[in-house]
Protein backbone atom coordinates (compact mmCIF):
# COMPACT_ATOMS: atom_id res chain seq x y z
CA UNK A 1 0.00 0.00 0.00
CA UNK A 2 1.44 3.35 -1.07
CA UNK A 3 1.82 5.89 1.67
CA UNK A 4 -0.04 9.15 1.12
CA UNK A 5 2.05 11.85 -0.46
CA UNK A 6 3.01 14.60 1.94
CA UNK A 7 2.41 18.17 0.82
CA UNK A 8 5.49 19.88 -0.54
CA UNK A 9 4.58 23.21 1.04
CA UNK A 10 3.71 24.23 4.55
CA UNK A 11 1.21 26.73 5.90
CA UNK A 12 3.09 29.85 7.02
CA UNK A 13 3.10 30.52 10.72
CA UNK A 14 1.67 33.68 12.22
CA UNK A 15 5.21 34.80 13.00
CA UNK A 16 6.31 34.50 9.38
CA UNK A 17 3.12 36.17 8.16
CA UNK A 18 3.77 39.05 10.51
CA UNK A 19 6.99 39.93 8.72
CA UNK A 20 4.97 41.34 5.85
CA UNK A 21 2.46 43.15 8.05
CA UNK A 22 4.63 45.20 10.39
CA UNK A 23 6.27 47.67 8.02
CA UNK A 24 3.20 48.69 5.96
CA UNK A 25 0.98 49.10 9.03
CA UNK A 26 3.57 51.11 10.97
CA UNK A 27 4.39 53.23 7.92
CA UNK A 28 0.68 53.92 7.41
CA UNK A 29 0.38 54.89 11.07
CA UNK A 30 3.28 57.34 10.84
CA UNK A 31 1.47 59.12 8.02
CA UNK A 32 -2.15 58.87 9.21
CA UNK A 33 -2.21 58.69 13.02
CA UNK A 34 -4.59 61.12 14.69
CA UNK A 35 -2.99 63.87 16.75
CA UNK A 36 -4.39 62.91 20.15
CA UNK A 37 -3.19 64.51 23.39
CA UNK A 38 -2.35 61.23 25.10
CA UNK A 39 0.00 60.37 22.21
CA UNK A 40 2.09 63.51 22.68
CA UNK A 41 5.40 63.36 24.52
CA UNK A 42 4.21 65.70 27.27
CA UNK A 43 1.28 63.42 28.17
CA UNK A 44 3.50 61.20 30.26
CA UNK A 45 2.52 57.83 31.74
CA UNK A 46 -0.25 59.38 33.86
CA UNK A 47 -1.85 60.97 30.81
CA UNK A 48 -1.71 57.64 29.00
CA UNK A 49 -3.31 55.85 31.95
CA UNK A 50 -6.11 58.41 32.24
CA UNK A 51 -6.85 58.09 28.54
CA UNK A 52 -7.02 54.30 28.72
CA UNK A 53 -9.59 54.45 31.53
CA UNK A 54 -11.69 57.03 29.70
CA UNK A 55 -11.56 55.38 26.28
CA UNK A 56 -13.06 52.10 27.46
CA UNK A 57 -16.39 51.82 25.61
CA UNK A 58 -16.35 55.57 24.93
CA UNK A 59 -15.63 57.36 21.61
CA UNK A 60 -12.61 59.64 21.31
CA UNK A 61 -14.69 62.76 20.59
CA UNK A 62 -16.51 62.42 23.92
CA UNK A 63 -13.32 61.73 25.85
CA UNK A 64 -11.25 64.67 24.55
CA UNK A 65 -12.83 67.55 26.53
CA UNK A 66 -13.10 65.57 29.77
CA UNK A 67 -9.53 64.34 29.40
CA UNK A 68 -8.20 67.89 28.99
CA UNK A 69 -10.14 69.14 32.01
CA UNK A 70 -9.07 66.15 34.11
CA UNK A 71 -5.35 66.61 33.42
CA UNK A 72 -5.58 70.36 33.99
CA UNK A 73 -7.07 69.71 37.43
CA UNK A 74 -5.09 66.58 38.33
CA UNK A 75 -1.80 66.61 36.40
CA UNK A 76 -0.29 63.96 38.70
CA UNK A 77 -1.71 60.87 40.41
CA UNK A 78 -1.09 62.45 43.82
CA UNK A 79 -3.31 65.40 42.89
CA UNK A 80 -6.24 63.10 42.27
CA UNK A 81 -5.45 60.90 45.27
CA UNK A 82 -5.68 63.95 47.55
CA UNK A 83 -9.31 64.52 46.55
CA UNK A 84 -12.40 62.62 47.66
CA UNK A 85 -13.44 59.85 45.26
CA UNK A 86 -16.72 61.67 44.75
CA UNK A 87 -14.82 64.49 43.05
CA UNK A 88 -13.58 62.00 40.46
CA UNK A 89 -17.16 60.91 39.85
CA UNK A 90 -18.22 64.55 39.55
CA UNK A 91 -15.47 65.37 37.04
CA UNK A 92 -16.27 62.23 35.03
CA UNK A 93 -19.38 64.03 33.85
CA UNK A 94 -21.41 62.20 31.22
CA UNK A 95 -18.73 59.82 29.96
CA UNK A 96 -20.76 56.88 31.20
CA UNK A 97 -19.75 53.81 33.21
CA UNK A 98 -18.77 56.06 36.16
CA UNK A 99 -17.28 53.21 38.17
CA UNK A 100 -14.25 53.81 35.97
CA UNK A 101 -13.81 57.13 37.79
CA UNK A 102 -13.69 55.36 41.15
CA UNK A 103 -11.22 52.80 39.80
CA UNK A 104 -8.99 55.51 38.40
CA UNK A 105 -9.09 57.30 41.75
CA UNK A 106 -8.20 54.04 43.50
CA UNK A 107 -5.28 53.53 41.11
CA UNK A 108 -4.07 57.08 41.82
CA UNK A 109 -4.16 56.43 45.57
CA UNK A 110 -2.20 53.19 45.15
CA UNK A 111 0.37 54.86 42.86
CA UNK A 112 0.85 57.60 45.43
CA UNK A 113 1.17 55.22 48.37
CA UNK A 114 3.17 52.40 46.75
CA UNK A 115 5.20 54.08 44.00
CA UNK A 116 5.96 57.58 45.23
CA UNK A 117 3.42 59.14 42.90
CA UNK A 118 4.94 57.78 39.67
CA UNK A 119 3.02 55.38 37.41
CA UNK A 120 5.06 52.16 37.65
CA UNK A 121 6.91 50.84 34.61
CA UNK A 122 6.71 47.13 35.34
CA UNK A 123 3.77 45.29 33.82
CA UNK A 124 3.27 43.22 36.99
CA UNK A 125 3.17 46.37 39.13
CA UNK A 126 0.65 47.98 36.80
CA UNK A 127 -1.50 44.85 36.90
CA UNK A 128 -1.44 44.94 40.71
CA UNK A 129 -3.03 48.40 40.81
CA UNK A 130 -6.77 48.51 41.61
CA UNK A 131 -8.96 48.81 38.54
CA UNK A 132 -6.18 47.74 36.15
CA UNK A 133 -6.77 44.66 34.02
CA UNK A 134 -4.60 42.84 31.50
CA UNK A 135 -5.44 45.18 28.62
CA UNK A 136 -4.83 48.44 30.54
CA UNK A 137 -1.57 47.19 32.05
CA UNK A 138 -0.28 46.18 28.62
CA UNK A 139 -1.46 49.43 27.03
CA UNK A 140 0.22 51.67 29.62
CA UNK A 141 3.44 49.66 29.55
CA UNK A 142 3.49 49.79 25.76
CA UNK A 143 2.27 53.31 25.00
CA UNK A 144 3.82 55.11 27.98
CA UNK A 145 7.07 53.17 28.33
CA UNK A 146 7.63 51.71 24.86
CA UNK A 147 7.66 48.11 26.08
CA UNK A 148 6.88 44.93 24.16
CA UNK A 149 3.40 43.72 25.08
CA UNK A 150 0.41 42.36 23.20
CA UNK A 151 -2.25 45.08 23.44
CA UNK A 152 -5.58 43.54 22.53
CA UNK A 153 -8.56 45.86 22.30
CA UNK A 154 -11.61 45.36 20.06
CA UNK A 155 -10.01 47.18 17.13
CA UNK A 156 -6.80 45.14 17.25
CA UNK A 157 -8.69 41.88 17.60
CA UNK A 158 -10.76 42.73 14.51
CA UNK A 159 -7.65 43.54 12.44
CA UNK A 160 -5.99 40.27 13.45
CA UNK A 161 -9.16 38.27 12.86
CA UNK A 162 -9.45 39.56 9.31
CA UNK A 163 -5.85 39.96 8.23
CA UNK A 164 -4.46 36.74 9.71
CA UNK A 165 -7.27 34.40 10.72
CA UNK A 166 -9.51 35.20 7.76
CA UNK A 167 -12.78 35.79 9.59
CA UNK A 168 -14.91 38.93 9.60
CA UNK A 169 -15.25 39.39 13.36
CA UNK A 170 -13.38 38.13 16.41
CA UNK A 171 -15.19 36.15 19.13
CA UNK A 172 -17.34 38.05 21.61
CA UNK A 173 -14.74 37.53 24.35
CA UNK A 174 -10.97 37.43 23.97
CA UNK A 175 -9.75 33.84 23.67
CA UNK A 176 -6.48 32.12 24.51
CA UNK A 177 -5.93 31.60 20.77
CA UNK A 178 -6.19 35.36 20.16
CA UNK A 179 -3.70 36.10 22.92
CA UNK A 180 -1.30 33.52 21.49
CA UNK A 181 -1.66 34.98 17.99
CA UNK A 182 -1.08 38.52 19.28
CA UNK A 183 2.14 37.40 20.99
CA UNK A 184 3.30 35.64 17.82
CA UNK A 185 2.67 38.79 15.79
CA UNK A 186 4.73 41.03 18.10
CA UNK A 187 7.93 42.41 16.59
CA UNK A 188 11.03 41.42 18.55
CA UNK A 189 12.31 44.96 18.94
CA UNK A 190 10.63 46.80 21.85
CA UNK A 191 10.20 50.14 20.12
CA UNK A 192 8.85 48.51 16.96
CA UNK A 193 6.49 46.38 19.05
CA UNK A 194 5.15 49.49 20.78
CA UNK A 195 4.56 51.23 17.45
CA UNK A 196 2.93 48.06 16.08
CA UNK A 197 0.52 48.01 19.02
CA UNK A 198 -0.53 51.61 18.43
CA UNK A 199 -0.60 51.24 14.64
CA UNK A 200 -2.74 48.10 14.54
CA UNK A 201 -5.17 49.73 16.97
CA UNK A 202 -5.43 52.85 14.81
CA UNK A 203 -5.92 50.74 11.69
CA UNK A 204 -8.91 49.05 13.30
CA UNK A 205 -10.33 52.37 14.50
CA UNK A 206 -10.06 54.21 11.18
CA UNK A 207 -9.90 51.69 8.31
CA UNK A 208 -10.73 48.11 9.34
CA UNK A 209 -13.89 49.16 11.15
CA UNK A 210 -16.73 46.91 12.28
CA UNK A 211 -18.93 48.21 9.47
CA UNK A 212 -18.04 49.75 6.10
CA UNK A 213 -14.38 48.75 6.21
CA UNK A 214 -12.27 50.72 3.73
CA UNK A 215 -10.13 48.05 2.08
CA UNK A 216 -9.11 50.45 -0.70
CA UNK A 217 -7.16 52.52 1.85
CA UNK A 218 -5.85 49.61 3.90
CA UNK A 219 -2.05 49.22 3.75
CA UNK A 220 -2.28 45.42 4.05
CA UNK A 221 -5.31 44.70 1.88
CA UNK A 222 -3.15 42.66 -0.52
CA UNK A 223 -2.15 40.41 2.41
CA UNK A 224 -5.49 40.24 4.23
CA UNK A 225 -6.68 36.65 4.55
CA UNK A 226 -10.32 37.66 4.85
CA UNK A 227 -10.27 39.86 1.72
CA UNK A 228 -8.34 37.25 -0.27
CA UNK A 229 -10.97 34.66 0.71
CA UNK A 230 -13.70 36.86 -0.79
CA UNK A 231 -14.71 38.47 2.51
CA UNK A 232 -16.97 35.62 3.69
CA UNK A 233 -19.71 36.72 6.07
CA UNK A 234 -19.32 35.90 9.73
CA UNK A 235 -21.80 33.56 11.39
CA UNK A 236 -23.40 36.52 13.11
CA UNK A 237 -23.35 40.32 12.90
CA UNK A 238 -21.14 42.37 15.21
CA UNK A 239 -22.59 43.04 18.60
CA UNK A 240 -24.83 46.06 18.81
CA UNK A 241 -24.72 48.54 21.62
CA UNK A 242 -27.18 48.11 24.45
CA UNK A 243 -30.33 50.20 24.25
CA UNK A 244 -30.04 53.11 26.68
CA UNK A 245 -33.48 54.75 26.79
CA UNK A 246 -35.59 53.46 29.64
CA UNK A 247 -32.87 51.31 31.17
CA UNK A 248 -31.49 51.34 34.70
CA UNK A 249 -28.35 52.89 33.20
CA UNK A 250 -30.37 55.90 32.13
CA UNK A 251 -31.93 56.24 35.56
CA UNK A 252 -28.53 55.93 37.24
CA UNK A 253 -27.19 58.61 34.93
CA UNK A 254 -29.98 61.02 35.84
CA UNK A 255 -29.53 60.41 39.56
CA UNK A 256 -25.79 60.96 39.32
CA UNK A 257 -26.32 64.13 37.27
CA UNK A 258 -28.29 65.66 40.14
CA UNK A 259 -25.64 64.68 42.68
CA UNK A 260 -22.78 65.95 40.52
CA UNK A 261 -24.39 69.39 40.27
CA UNK A 262 -25.20 69.61 43.98
CA UNK A 263 -22.95 71.49 46.40
CA UNK A 264 -24.62 69.91 49.44
CA UNK A 265 -26.22 66.53 50.24
CA UNK A 266 -29.40 65.93 48.21
CA UNK A 267 -32.73 64.96 49.83
CA UNK A 268 -34.50 61.82 48.67
CA UNK A 269 -37.43 63.94 47.47
CA UNK A 270 -35.20 65.73 44.95
CA UNK A 271 -33.91 62.45 43.58
CA UNK A 272 -37.46 61.12 43.34
CA UNK A 273 -38.24 63.76 40.75
CA UNK A 274 -35.74 62.49 38.18
CA UNK A 275 -37.74 59.35 37.29
CA UNK A 276 -41.43 58.60 37.62
CA UNK A 277 -41.31 54.83 38.07
CA UNK A 278 -40.53 54.30 41.79
CA UNK A 279 -39.41 50.65 41.69
CA UNK A 280 -36.88 51.21 38.92
CA UNK A 281 -35.72 54.46 40.50
CA UNK A 282 -35.14 52.76 43.86
CA UNK A 283 -33.30 49.88 42.19
CA UNK A 284 -31.04 52.27 40.33
CA UNK A 285 -30.28 54.27 43.47
CA UNK A 286 -29.57 51.10 45.46
CA UNK A 287 -27.20 50.01 42.69
CA UNK A 288 -25.32 53.30 42.85
CA UNK A 289 -24.94 52.91 46.60
CA UNK A 290 -23.79 49.30 46.24
CA UNK A 291 -21.21 50.35 43.64
CA UNK A 292 -19.79 53.01 45.95
CA UNK A 293 -20.81 55.85 43.64
CA UNK A 294 -23.31 57.36 46.11
CA UNK A 295 -23.24 57.59 49.91
CA UNK A 296 -26.50 57.54 51.89
CA UNK A 297 -26.68 59.80 54.93
CA UNK A 298 -28.99 60.20 57.91
CA UNK A 299 -32.27 61.95 57.26
CA UNK A 300 -32.76 60.60 53.74
CA UNK A 301 -29.87 62.56 52.24
CA UNK A 302 -27.41 61.38 49.57
CA UNK A 303 -24.04 62.64 48.33
CA UNK A 304 -21.09 61.60 46.18
CA UNK A 305 -18.57 59.49 48.16
CA UNK A 306 -16.02 61.17 50.39
CA UNK A 307 -13.87 58.10 50.77
């Protein structure tokens, strides 16, 4: 019986495929990157960290004015740490997901107490800060300190899914296979790896978008596995944003808006006026208290947390 003939060619590894991706993506980034304040040299590690907290699930255009005001008021972690956490919630304004403000305040306190007020360089030390997960630690280490880390946000995952894996959308949650691929795609040189992280993220934000991708302007369209395969449709559409109107999130936002504008504790009766449905209103207020965003006081009064 004749043994089956082995193929004379091998499938290229992700590492070998990456060799053709790095230069065009980084070159494109050098020419097309947006001029954002957290990318400037004077932003420093603290500016980078603040931007990463604010940009989670929030568009750049909404972040920009709040970011500028935040850094003008709290140019160093110690400046924020010296304030009550409620002031961070107040300054967060309408960015949404205000627990990020509390986490950023907690990180500032830890940086001040453990690291002399300087954002730590080591990835493990960043990861040990309150409110810092794997993505944020890698992003700060890479963007602020030029280190070699796989920085996997939604935009990067989409670029890798299409260009290398050949599928339209990445999985809903980051997988071990995606993390492995991202590590394999990292350039060996630290500075190049840092630029690659920023460039692949920008490519996903501006060109390889979730909808209406602009392949004609993509610097790696000739190498993209998904495009070369005829751009097969994914099993399902990209996730859509959660409806906001009428949700507990909307009620929470209205309650917090009243408390942010107040200069003194707010009576329950004032909060009752922001939403007609009492059960949902009470649930939203209880949730804010449970999350540490609101402090109840004697006499039916409420305020932003003092710490």
